[in-house]
Amino acid sequence: MKIGCLEIKLGAPWVHSLKEKRMIVRSLVAKIRNTFNVSVHEIDDHDVHQQIVLGITTGSNSTAQLQSVLDQVVNFIESNYEVSIDEIQIDIL
């Protein structure tokens, strides 16, 4: 069994309050979970309203499948949300 971990830092310069950020994070987390059947959580910068840091994990027997799923998640975020991707870190354990 292998585990794929993705840490993605997103920038949302148009967000002006933590309430607005929470709405975006909730929507993003729910859509990623439902679409890809992965675990998603906001893992850092909880009090910074223009930065979102998500941790995404999934498991599989195949390294190629893990990489593919995590790449699809990144593409989904790029395509469906008006956020900038500041940093991506993928680890396969």
C-alpha atoms as a PDB file:
ATOM      1  CA  MET A   1       0.000   0.000   0.000  1.00  0.00           C
ATOM      2  CA  LYS A   2       1.296   3.434  -0.942  1.00  0.00           C
ATOM      3  CA  ILE A   3       0.076   6.840   0.171  1.00  0.00           C
ATOM      4  CA  GLY A   4       0.153  10.016  -1.915  1.00  0.00           C
ATOM      5  CA  CYS A   5       0.276  13.365  -0.141  1.00  0.00           C
ATOM      6  CA  LEU A   6      -0.233  16.733  -1.791  1.00  0.00           C
ATOM      7  CA  GLU A   7       0.311  20.056  -0.049  1.00  0.00           C
ATOM      8  CA  ILE A   8      -0.929  22.940  -2.151  1.00  0.00           C
ATOM      9  CA  LYS A   9      -0.696  26.632  -1.304  1.00  0.00           C
ATOM     10  CA  LEU A  10      -3.250  28.830  -2.997  1.00  0.00           C
ATOM     11  CA  GLY A  11      -3.426  32.601  -3.185  1.00  0.00           C
ATOM     12  CA  ALA A  12      -6.723  34.472  -3.269  1.00  0.00           C
ATOM     13  CA  PRO A  13      -5.849  38.189  -3.255  1.00  0.00           C
ATOM     14  CA  TRP A  14      -9.481  39.240  -3.744  1.00  0.00           C
ATOM     15  CA  VAL A  15     -10.601  37.703  -0.411  1.00  0.00           C
ATOM     16  CA  HIS A  16     -11.127  40.366   2.258  1.00  0.00           C
ATOM     17  CA  SER A  17     -12.365  38.430   5.296  1.00  0.00           C
ATOM     18  CA  LEU A  18     -11.990  35.091   7.032  1.00  0.00           C
ATOM     19  CA  LYS A  19     -15.705  34.476   6.501  1.00  0.00           C
ATOM     20  CA  GLU A  20     -15.242  34.793   2.741  1.00  0.00           C
ATOM     21  CA  LYS A  21     -12.189  32.501   2.900  1.00  0.00           C
ATOM     22  CA  ARG A  22     -14.156  29.884   4.884  1.00  0.00           C
ATOM     23  CA  MET A  23     -16.864  29.814   2.202  1.00  0.00           C
ATOM     24  CA  ILE A  24     -14.254  29.189  -0.499  1.00  0.00           C
ATOM     25  CA  VAL A  25     -12.424  26.520   1.522  1.00  0.00           C
ATOM     26  CA  ARG A  26     -15.652  24.652   2.344  1.00  0.00           C
ATOM     27  CA  SER A  27     -16.697  24.627  -1.301  1.00  0.00           C
ATOM     28  CA  LEU A  28     -13.254  23.576  -2.494  1.00  0.00           C
ATOM     29  CA  VAL A  29     -12.908  20.786   0.085  1.00  0.00           C
ATOM     30  CA  ALA A  30     -16.384  19.377  -0.600  1.00  0.00           C
ATOM     31  CA  LYS A  31     -15.973  19.356  -4.386  1.00  0.00           C
ATOM     32  CA  ILE A  32     -12.520  17.750  -4.247  1.00  0.00           C
ATOM     33  CA  ARG A  33     -13.728  15.057  -1.812  1.00  0.00           C
ATOM     34  CA  ASN A  34     -16.798  14.240  -3.884  1.00  0.00           C
ATOM     35  CA  THR A  35     -15.012  14.258  -7.236  1.00  0.00           C
ATOM     36  CA  PHE A  36     -11.831  12.337  -6.374  1.00  0.00           C
ATOM     37  CA  ASN A  37     -12.653  10.370  -3.182  1.00  0.00           C
ATOM     38  CA  VAL A  38      -9.596  11.728  -1.358  1.00  0.00           C
ATOM     39  CA  SER A  39      -9.046  13.177   2.099  1.00  0.00           C
ATOM     40  CA  VAL A  40      -8.796  16.995   2.105  1.00  0.00           C
ATOM     41  CA  HIS A  41      -8.157  19.408   4.973  1.00  0.00           C
ATOM     42  CA  GLU A  42      -7.019  22.971   5.447  1.00  0.00           C
ATOM     43  CA  ILE A  43      -3.685  22.447   7.187  1.00  0.00           C
ATOM     44  CA  ASP A  44      -2.056  25.863   7.648  1.00  0.00           C
ATOM     45  CA  ASP A  45      -2.576  29.636   7.535  1.00  0.00           C
ATOM     46  CA  HIS A  46      -6.036  29.426   9.122  1.00  0.00           C
ATOM     47  CA  ASP A  47      -5.967  33.103  10.110  1.00  0.00           C
ATOM     48  CA  VAL A  48      -4.512  34.494   6.867  1.00  0.00           C
ATOM     49  CA  HIS A  49      -7.470  35.465   4.712  1.00  0.00           C
ATOM     50  CA  GLN A  50      -5.680  35.621   1.343  1.00  0.00           C
ATOM     51  CA  GLN A  51      -3.800  32.306   1.621  1.00  0.00           C
ATOM     52  CA  ILE A  52      -5.230  28.768   1.568  1.00  0.00           C
ATOM     53  CA  VAL A  53      -3.093  25.723   2.353  1.00  0.00           C
ATOM     54  CA  LEU A  54      -4.692  22.343   1.703  1.00  0.00           C
ATOM     55  CA  GLY A  55      -3.422  18.867   2.482  1.00  0.00           C
ATOM     56  CA  ILE A  56      -4.758  16.105   0.246  1.00  0.00           C
ATOM     57  CA  THR A  57      -4.069  12.392   0.693  1.00  0.00           C
ATOM     58  CA  THR A  58      -5.069   9.204  -1.057  1.00  0.00           C
ATOM     59  CA  GLY A  59      -3.966   5.578  -1.089  1.00  0.00           C
ATOM     60  CA  SER A  60      -3.331   2.986  -3.798  1.00  0.00           C
ATOM     61  CA  ASN A  61      -1.103   0.072  -4.763  1.00  0.00           C
ATOM     62  CA  SER A  62       0.269   1.968  -7.757  1.00  0.00           C
ATOM     63  CA  THR A  63       2.602   4.965  -7.650  1.00  0.00           C
ATOM     64  CA  ALA A  64       1.460   5.960 -11.145  1.00  0.00           C
ATOM     65  CA  GLN A  65      -2.185   5.991 -10.070  1.00  0.00           C
ATOM     66  CA  LEU A  66      -1.388   8.117  -7.010  1.00  0.00           C
ATOM     67  CA  GLN A  67       0.512  10.620  -9.145  1.00  0.00           C
ATOM     68  CA  SER A  68      -2.333  10.698 -11.669  1.00  0.00           C
ATOM     69  CA  VAL A  69      -5.026  11.378  -9.043  1.00  0.00           C
ATOM     70  CA  LEU A  70      -3.012  14.136  -7.381  1.00  0.00           C
ATOM     71  CA  ASP A  71      -2.269  15.740 -10.764  1.00  0.00           C
ATOM     72  CA  GLN A  72      -5.983  15.628 -11.592  1.00  0.00           C
ATOM     73  CA  VAL A  73      -6.773  17.381  -8.300  1.00  0.00           C
ATOM     74  CA  VAL A  74      -4.308  20.173  -9.147  1.00  0.00           C
ATOM     75  CA  ASN A  75      -5.822  20.519 -12.640  1.00  0.00           C
ATOM     76  CA  PHE A  76      -9.331  20.597 -11.143  1.00  0.00           C
ATOM     77  CA  ILE A  77      -8.391  23.440  -8.799  1.00  0.00           C
ATOM     78  CA  GLU A  78      -6.738  25.389 -11.642  1.00  0.00           C
ATOM     79  CA  SER A  79      -9.748  24.950 -13.914  1.00  0.00           C
ATOM     80  CA  ASN A  80     -12.572  25.641 -11.481  1.00  0.00           C
ATOM     81  CA  TYR A  81     -11.360  28.275  -9.032  1.00  0.00           C
ATOM     82  CA  GLU A  82     -10.013  31.798  -9.394  1.00  0.00           C
ATOM     83  CA  VAL A  83      -6.993  31.200  -7.183  1.00  0.00           C
ATOM     84  CA  SER A  84      -3.306  31.252  -7.921  1.00  0.00           C
ATOM     85  CA  ILE A  85      -1.279  28.152  -7.165  1.00  0.00           C
ATOM     86  CA  ASP A  86       1.728  29.418  -5.237  1.00  0.00           C
ATOM     87  CA  GLU A  87       3.359  26.118  -4.300  1.00  0.00           C
ATOM     88  CA  ILE A  88       2.826  22.390  -4.821  1.00  0.00           C
ATOM     89  CA  GLN A  89       4.541  19.588  -2.955  1.00  0.00           C
ATOM     90  CA  ILE A  90       3.777  15.952  -3.764  1.00  0.00           C
ATOM     91  CA  ASP A  91       5.151  13.063  -1.695  1.00  0.00           C
ATOM     92  CA  ILE A  92       4.533   9.378  -2.351  1.00  0.00           C
ATOM     93  CA  LEU A  93       5.260   7.192   0.643  1.00  0.00           C
END
